[in-house]
Amino acid sequence: MNIQFASFQQFLLMDGHGPYVWLAVIVSVAVLIGLVVSPLKQQKKIINQNQTLLTVLNLYHHKF
């Protein structure tokens, strides 16, 4: 394996392309996190709505 950069600073700067590369990495990771978190939040919201609906229906059913 051949190391392409002589120092960690050179690795971060990537011959002047570093800001673009790291911005792309950050945006990509943020999108991936959003793709995981969003459905989980939506699922939790739907579960809570269903529990509320079941509670209301059970209260209504017991009245009659």
C-alpha atoms as a PDB file:
ATOM      1  CA  MET A   1       0.000   0.000   0.000  1.00  0.00           C
ATOM      2  CA  ASN A   2       1.375   3.390  -0.986  1.00  0.00           C
ATOM      3  CA  ILE A   3       0.572   6.422   1.210  1.00  0.00           C
ATOM      4  CA  GLN A   4      -0.435   9.367  -0.984  1.00  0.00           C
ATOM      5  CA  PHE A   5       0.036  12.168   1.564  1.00  0.00           C
ATOM      6  CA  ALA A   6       3.124  12.995   3.608  1.00  0.00           C
ATOM      7  CA  SER A   7       1.182  14.479   6.530  1.00  0.00           C
ATOM      8  CA  PHE A   8      -2.297  14.621   7.974  1.00  0.00           C
ATOM      9  CA  GLN A   9      -2.542  18.303   7.019  1.00  0.00           C
ATOM     10  CA  GLN A  10      -1.846  17.427   3.390  1.00  0.00           C
ATOM     11  CA  PHE A  11      -4.519  14.748   3.630  1.00  0.00           C
ATOM     12  CA  LEU A  12      -7.053  17.317   4.859  1.00  0.00           C
ATOM     13  CA  LEU A  13      -6.080  19.895   2.222  1.00  0.00           C
ATOM     14  CA  MET A  14      -5.827  17.384  -0.674  1.00  0.00           C
ATOM     15  CA  ASP A  15      -3.783  19.709  -2.885  1.00  0.00           C
ATOM     16  CA  GLY A  16      -6.384  22.478  -2.633  1.00  0.00           C
ATOM     17  CA  HIS A  17      -9.392  20.227  -3.239  1.00  0.00           C
ATOM     18  CA  GLY A  18      -9.940  19.481   0.448  1.00  0.00           C
ATOM     19  CA  PRO A  19     -12.735  22.002   1.129  1.00  0.00           C
ATOM     20  CA  TYR A  20     -14.800  20.627  -1.762  1.00  0.00           C
ATOM     21  CA  VAL A  21     -14.140  17.005  -0.865  1.00  0.00           C
ATOM     22  CA  TRP A  22     -14.910  17.439   2.835  1.00  0.00           C
ATOM     23  CA  LEU A  23     -18.014  19.512   2.096  1.00  0.00           C
ATOM     24  CA  ALA A  24     -19.253  16.694  -0.147  1.00  0.00           C
ATOM     25  CA  VAL A  25     -18.506  14.152   2.577  1.00  0.00           C
ATOM     26  CA  ILE A  26     -20.332  16.211   5.217  1.00  0.00           C
ATOM     27  CA  VAL A  27     -23.376  16.753   2.987  1.00  0.00           C
ATOM     28  CA  SER A  28     -23.484  13.055   2.072  1.00  0.00           C
ATOM     29  CA  VAL A  29     -23.287  11.936   5.697  1.00  0.00           C
ATOM     30  CA  ALA A  30     -25.970  14.467   6.697  1.00  0.00           C
ATOM     31  CA  VAL A  31     -28.289  13.175   3.961  1.00  0.00           C
ATOM     32  CA  LEU A  32     -27.702   9.568   5.001  1.00  0.00           C
ATOM     33  CA  ILE A  33     -28.432  10.415   8.636  1.00  0.00           C
ATOM     34  CA  GLY A  34     -31.601  12.207   7.537  1.00  0.00           C
ATOM     35  CA  LEU A  35     -32.670   9.157   5.524  1.00  0.00           C
ATOM     36  CA  VAL A  36     -32.397   7.041   8.676  1.00  0.00           C
ATOM     37  CA  VAL A  37     -33.801   9.483  11.242  1.00  0.00           C
ATOM     38  CA  SER A  38     -36.793  10.747   9.254  1.00  0.00           C
ATOM     39  CA  PRO A  39     -38.581   7.385   8.881  1.00  0.00           C
ATOM     40  CA  LEU A  40     -37.894   6.560  12.525  1.00  0.00           C
ATOM     41  CA  LYS A  41     -39.487   9.826  13.643  1.00  0.00           C
ATOM     42  CA  GLN A  42     -42.423   9.258  11.316  1.00  0.00           C
ATOM     43  CA  GLN A  43     -42.897   5.725  12.629  1.00  0.00           C
ATOM     44  CA  LYS A  44     -42.906   6.973  16.214  1.00  0.00           C
ATOM     45  CA  LYS A  45     -45.478   9.640  15.319  1.00  0.00           C
ATOM     46  CA  ILE A  46     -47.747   7.071  13.635  1.00  0.00           C
ATOM     47  CA  ILE A  47     -47.463   4.689  16.589  1.00  0.00           C
ATOM     48  CA  ASN A  48     -48.432   7.484  18.991  1.00  0.00           C
ATOM     49  CA  GLN A  49     -51.382   8.457  16.782  1.00  0.00           C
ATOM     50  CA  ASN A  50     -52.550   4.839  16.643  1.00  0.00           C
ATOM     51  CA  GLN A  51     -52.292   4.480  20.423  1.00  0.00           C
ATOM     52  CA  THR A  52     -54.352   7.641  20.874  1.00  0.00           C
ATOM     53  CA  LEU A  53     -56.955   6.408  18.390  1.00  0.00           C
ATOM     54  CA  LEU A  54     -57.170   3.018  20.110  1.00  0.00           C
ATOM     55  CA  THR A  55     -57.613   4.709  23.482  1.00  0.00           C
ATOM     56  CA  VAL A  56     -60.430   6.881  22.134  1.00  0.00           C
ATOM     57  CA  LEU A  57     -62.110   3.899  20.472  1.00  0.00           C
ATOM     58  CA  ASN A  58     -61.859   1.829  23.652  1.00  0.00           C
ATOM     59  CA  LEU A  59     -63.395   4.648  25.702  1.00  0.00           C
ATOM     60  CA  TYR A  60     -66.184   5.021  23.140  1.00  0.00           C
ATOM     61  CA  HIS A  61     -66.773   1.259  23.073  1.00  0.00           C
ATOM     62  CA  HIS A  62     -67.053   1.045  26.886  1.00  0.00           C
ATOM     63  CA  LYS A  63     -69.679   3.792  26.989  1.00  0.00           C
ATOM     64  CA  PHE A  64     -72.083   1.719  24.903  1.00  0.00           C
END
